[in-house]
Amino acid sequence: MGNFSDHIVNQRFNKIYLELEKYNLIKGKSDIAKKLGTYNHVVNSILKGQRNITVDQLHKLFEIYSVNANYIFGISDEMFLEPPSAIFGDIPTRSIEEKQSGGRQNITLVPERALAGYALEHQDHDFLENLQKFSIPNLEGEMVAFEINGDSMMPTITNGDIVVCEQVDRDTPLRDNHVYIVVTDTVVAKRIQQIRDGADVSRLRLISDNSTVYKPYEVDLEEIRQLLKVKCRLTSYAIA
């Protein structure tokens, strides 16, 4: 079997792998293998210098992890196009006590009991007016907050957290691997990955951070009634 470890691309893939592990952006070989559309033993062989990484795997590496293509080909020393801490869209955390009822109340709170109604009536003015409103220092503009029930996004979002979001217009570019509220006939918080048919995005893959329990699934864009980008989360466990 040939030795591919002298190839600059494979050498740099090894360094990228270690960096992704360092920042907890991957959970071992099986995790990155799944993201790259291959198998655990294939990634293991690349890391050991027993085979080359493929062009298709490289494209997914660039897209999913914001790896700098110039780095992997030895042209640049900058490994990522953005800081590793931003690759998976870390959500700023605030204490739930920071909610304010005074002043301009620009955030509409959708409690867990009202999520089903919101999926059907999110454009209904009367429905929205009957929901509680609050504000948070330094968060401006009209926003919607959702009370999260369940453990599908742990540890990023825990049961009982409130996520504060801004609505995404249809023509606004989306960020793969960032957390959004996706409204279909249900309301869920998930990381998204865009799936294209040719040049156009046709579906979204919805991914839970608690991936050992909750598997990814896909929704067509036509099924999505509203999309909101998570800006921060409010939690009782935040450190003030």
Protein backbone atom coordinates (compact mmCIF):
# COMPACT_ATOMS: atom_id res chain seq x y z
CA MET A 1 0.00 0.00 0.00
CA GLY A 2 1.35 3.44 -0.94
CA ASN A 3 2.43 6.07 1.55
CA PHE A 4 0.51 9.31 0.99
CA SER A 5 1.70 11.06 4.17
CA ASP A 6 4.20 13.22 2.26
CA HIS A 7 1.39 14.88 0.27
CA ILE A 8 0.83 18.47 1.50
CA VAL A 9 -2.97 18.09 1.35
CA ASN A 10 -2.95 15.01 3.59
CA GLN A 11 -0.45 16.60 5.98
CA ARG A 12 -2.66 19.63 6.36
CA PHE A 13 -5.81 17.53 6.70
CA ASN A 14 -4.16 15.92 9.73
CA LYS A 15 -3.55 19.36 11.25
CA ILE A 16 -7.12 20.45 10.51
CA TYR A 17 -8.45 17.28 12.11
CA LEU A 18 -6.48 17.95 15.31
CA GLU A 19 -7.64 21.58 15.39
CA LEU A 20 -11.29 20.60 14.96
CA GLU A 21 -10.90 18.12 17.83
CA LYS A 22 -9.22 20.78 19.96
CA TYR A 23 -12.21 23.11 19.61
CA ASN A 24 -14.71 20.23 20.07
CA LEU A 25 -16.07 20.83 16.58
CA ILE A 26 -15.89 17.11 15.83
CA LYS A 27 -16.42 14.08 18.04
CA GLY A 28 -13.81 11.76 16.54
CA LYS A 29 -13.31 10.10 13.17
CA SER A 30 -16.86 8.78 12.79
CA ASP A 31 -18.29 12.29 13.25
CA ILE A 32 -16.16 13.97 10.58
CA ALA A 33 -16.56 10.92 8.32
CA LYS A 34 -20.34 11.35 8.39
CA LYS A 35 -20.03 15.06 7.58
CA LEU A 36 -17.67 14.32 4.66
CA GLY A 37 -19.96 11.61 3.27
CA THR A 38 -17.58 8.74 3.90
CA TYR A 39 -16.69 6.12 6.52
CA ASN A 40 -14.69 5.97 9.71
CA HIS A 41 -12.06 3.63 8.24
CA VAL A 42 -11.57 5.97 5.24
CA VAL A 43 -10.79 8.95 7.49
CA ASN A 44 -8.51 6.73 9.55
CA SER A 45 -6.63 5.68 6.38
CA ILE A 46 -6.19 9.32 5.29
CA LEU A 47 -4.84 10.28 8.72
CA LYS A 48 -2.42 7.34 8.60
CA GLY A 49 -1.16 8.28 5.13
CA GLN A 50 -2.65 5.21 3.47
CA ARG A 51 -4.86 7.07 0.98
CA ASN A 52 -5.57 10.56 -0.34
CA ILE A 53 -8.56 12.66 0.62
CA THR A 54 -10.90 13.04 -2.39
CA VAL A 55 -11.95 16.25 -4.14
CA ASP A 56 -15.56 15.75 -3.01
CA GLN A 57 -14.44 15.31 0.60
CA LEU A 58 -12.35 18.48 0.33
CA HIS A 59 -15.33 20.49 -0.93
CA LYS A 60 -17.39 19.35 2.06
CA LEU A 61 -14.50 20.18 4.38
CA PHE A 62 -14.39 23.72 2.97
CA GLU A 63 -18.17 24.19 3.12
CA ILE A 64 -18.97 22.65 6.50
CA TYR A 65 -15.94 23.70 8.54
CA SER A 66 -14.97 26.95 6.76
CA VAL A 67 -11.52 25.54 6.00
CA ASN A 68 -9.37 27.82 3.86
CA ALA A 69 -8.69 26.03 0.56
CA ASN A 70 -5.42 27.94 0.19
CA TYR A 71 -4.26 26.50 3.50
CA ILE A 72 -4.85 22.89 2.57
CA PHE A 73 -2.95 23.33 -0.71
CA GLY A 74 -0.01 24.95 1.09
CA ILE A 75 -0.56 28.47 -0.24
CA SER A 76 -1.63 30.11 3.04
CA ASP A 77 -0.97 29.62 6.74
CA GLU A 78 -4.54 30.65 7.68
CA MET A 79 -6.36 27.39 8.43
CA PHE A 80 -9.92 28.74 8.63
CA LEU A 81 -11.85 31.48 6.86
CA GLU A 82 -13.39 32.47 10.21
CA PRO A 83 -12.39 31.83 13.84
CA PRO A 84 -13.01 28.22 14.95
CA SER A 85 -15.27 29.45 17.75
CA ALA A 86 -17.62 30.90 15.10
CA ILE A 87 -17.75 27.90 12.77
CA PHE A 88 -20.71 26.34 14.52
CA GLY A 89 -22.36 29.60 15.40
CA ASP A 90 -21.84 29.76 19.15
CA ILE A 91 -24.90 31.32 20.76
CA PRO A 92 -24.28 34.15 23.26
CA THR A 93 -25.71 33.27 26.66
CA ARG A 94 -27.47 35.72 28.96
CA SER A 95 -29.02 35.28 32.38
CA ILE A 96 -32.79 34.98 32.28
CA GLU A 97 -32.87 37.68 34.97
CA GLU A 98 -31.73 40.20 32.35
CA LYS A 99 -35.22 40.29 30.86
CA GLN A 100 -36.82 43.70 31.35
CA SER A 101 -40.50 44.51 31.37
CA GLY A 102 -40.05 48.28 31.27
CA GLY A 103 -39.15 50.47 28.30
CA ARG A 104 -39.73 49.51 24.70
CA GLN A 105 -40.78 45.86 24.68
CA ASN A 106 -39.47 44.65 21.33
CA ILE A 107 -39.28 40.88 21.96
CA THR A 108 -42.40 38.69 21.74
CA LEU A 109 -42.23 35.59 23.94
CA VAL A 110 -43.75 32.36 22.65
CA PRO A 111 -44.04 30.00 25.64
CA GLU A 112 -43.88 26.24 25.18
CA ARG A 113 -47.68 25.92 25.48
CA ALA A 114 -48.16 28.36 22.57
CA LEU A 115 -45.73 26.77 20.07
CA ALA A 116 -48.43 24.80 18.22
CA GLY A 117 -50.53 27.93 17.87
CA TYR A 118 -47.53 29.94 16.65
CA ALA A 119 -46.89 27.45 13.83
CA LEU A 120 -50.39 28.11 12.53
CA GLU A 121 -50.86 31.77 13.44
CA HIS A 122 -47.42 33.39 13.39
CA GLN A 123 -48.74 36.03 10.96
CA ASP A 124 -51.90 36.72 12.95
CA HIS A 125 -51.64 40.14 14.63
CA ASP A 126 -54.21 39.34 17.32
CA PHE A 127 -52.45 36.10 18.27
CA LEU A 128 -49.09 37.87 18.61
CA GLU A 129 -50.56 40.79 20.57
CA ASN A 130 -51.82 38.40 23.25
CA LEU A 131 -48.30 37.07 23.92
CA GLN A 132 -46.01 38.48 26.61
CA LYS A 133 -43.39 41.02 25.53
CA PHE A 134 -40.09 42.03 27.09
CA SER A 135 -36.75 43.64 26.25
CA ILE A 136 -33.06 42.90 26.80
CA PRO A 137 -30.30 45.52 26.96
CA ASN A 138 -28.47 45.95 23.62
CA LEU A 139 -30.89 43.76 21.66
CA GLU A 140 -32.74 46.07 19.28
CA GLY A 141 -35.31 45.48 16.56
CA GLU A 142 -38.41 43.32 16.45
CA MET A 143 -37.59 39.82 17.71
CA VAL A 144 -39.32 36.64 18.79
CA ALA A 145 -38.29 34.46 21.73
CA PHE A 146 -39.18 30.78 22.10
CA GLU A 147 -39.23 28.66 25.23
CA ILE A 148 -37.41 25.41 24.48
CA ASN A 149 -38.79 22.12 25.72
CA GLY A 150 -36.70 18.96 25.39
CA ASP A 151 -33.08 17.87 25.06
CA SER A 152 -32.52 17.62 21.29
CA MET A 153 -30.13 20.61 21.23
CA MET A 154 -28.21 19.83 24.42
CA PRO A 155 -25.67 20.93 25.47
CA THR A 156 -26.01 24.09 23.36
CA ILE A 157 -29.62 24.73 24.41
CA THR A 158 -31.07 23.07 27.50
CA ASN A 159 -34.65 22.32 28.53
CA GLY A 160 -36.32 25.51 29.76
CA ASP A 161 -33.95 27.90 27.96
CA ILE A 162 -35.40 30.79 25.98
CA VAL A 163 -33.85 31.56 22.58
CA VAL A 164 -34.18 35.08 21.18
CA CYS A 165 -34.41 35.22 17.39
CA GLU A 166 -34.77 37.54 14.44
CA GLN A 167 -36.81 36.62 11.40
CA VAL A 168 -34.90 35.72 8.23
CA ASP A 169 -36.24 37.10 4.95
CA ARG A 170 -36.55 34.69 2.03
CA ASP A 171 -33.66 36.28 0.13
CA THR A 172 -31.27 36.42 3.12
CA PRO A 173 -28.27 34.05 2.80
CA LEU A 174 -28.32 31.27 5.39
CA ARG A 175 -25.35 30.04 7.42
CA ASP A 176 -24.77 26.31 7.43
CA ASN A 177 -24.28 24.77 10.90
CA HIS A 178 -25.78 27.77 12.68
CA VAL A 179 -28.87 27.41 14.87
CA TYR A 180 -32.26 28.51 13.56
CA ILE A 181 -35.87 28.20 14.60
CA VAL A 182 -37.62 26.38 11.75
CA VAL A 183 -41.39 26.77 11.58
CA THR A 184 -43.32 24.20 9.54
CA ASP A 185 -46.39 22.58 11.10
CA THR A 186 -44.18 22.44 14.19
CA VAL A 187 -41.60 24.77 15.74
CA VAL A 188 -38.09 23.35 16.25
CA ALA A 189 -34.62 24.67 17.05
CA LYS A 190 -31.98 22.98 14.87
CA ARG A 191 -28.69 23.52 13.12
CA ILE A 192 -29.22 23.69 9.39
CA GLN A 193 -27.35 22.57 6.31
CA GLN A 194 -28.50 23.68 2.88
CA ILE A 195 -29.08 21.00 0.26
CA ARG A 196 -28.88 22.10 -3.34
CA ASP A 197 -30.36 20.80 -6.56
CA GLY A 198 -27.91 22.33 -9.00
CA ALA A 199 -27.34 25.96 -8.01
CA ASP A 200 -30.54 26.37 -5.98
CA VAL A 201 -31.23 25.40 -2.39
CA SER A 202 -34.22 23.05 -2.34
CA ARG A 203 -34.13 21.53 1.15
CA LEU A 204 -32.68 22.03 4.59
CA ARG A 205 -31.13 19.28 6.66
CA LEU A 206 -32.09 19.81 10.31
CA ILE A 207 -29.48 18.63 12.80
CA SER A 208 -29.72 18.17 16.57
CA ASP A 209 -26.66 18.73 18.75
CA ASN A 210 -27.76 15.72 20.79
CA SER A 211 -26.98 13.60 17.74
CA THR A 212 -26.64 10.28 19.54
CA VAL A 213 -30.38 10.37 20.26
CA TYR A 214 -31.85 12.55 17.52
CA LYS A 215 -30.98 11.86 13.89
CA PRO A 216 -30.89 14.54 11.14
CA TYR A 217 -33.86 14.89 8.84
CA GLU A 218 -34.72 17.03 5.82
CA VAL A 219 -37.52 19.46 5.00
CA ASP A 220 -38.39 21.02 1.65
CA LEU A 221 -38.21 24.82 1.47
CA GLU A 222 -41.89 24.85 0.49
CA GLU A 223 -42.76 23.31 3.88
CA ILE A 224 -41.07 26.11 5.81
CA ARG A 225 -43.49 28.83 6.91
CA GLN A 226 -40.94 30.93 8.76
CA LEU A 227 -37.21 30.84 9.54
CA LEU A 228 -35.63 32.72 12.44
CA LYS A 229 -31.93 33.05 13.31
CA VAL A 230 -31.10 32.44 16.96
CA LYS A 231 -29.27 35.50 18.34
CA CYS A 232 -28.83 34.51 21.98
CA ARG A 233 -30.24 32.23 24.65
CA LEU A 234 -31.53 33.07 28.09
CA THR A 235 -30.91 30.48 30.77
CA SER A 236 -31.24 30.19 34.51
CA TYR A 237 -27.75 28.68 34.52
CA ALA A 238 -25.96 31.62 32.91
CA ILE A 239 -23.12 33.20 34.85
CA ALA A 240 -23.89 36.89 35.32
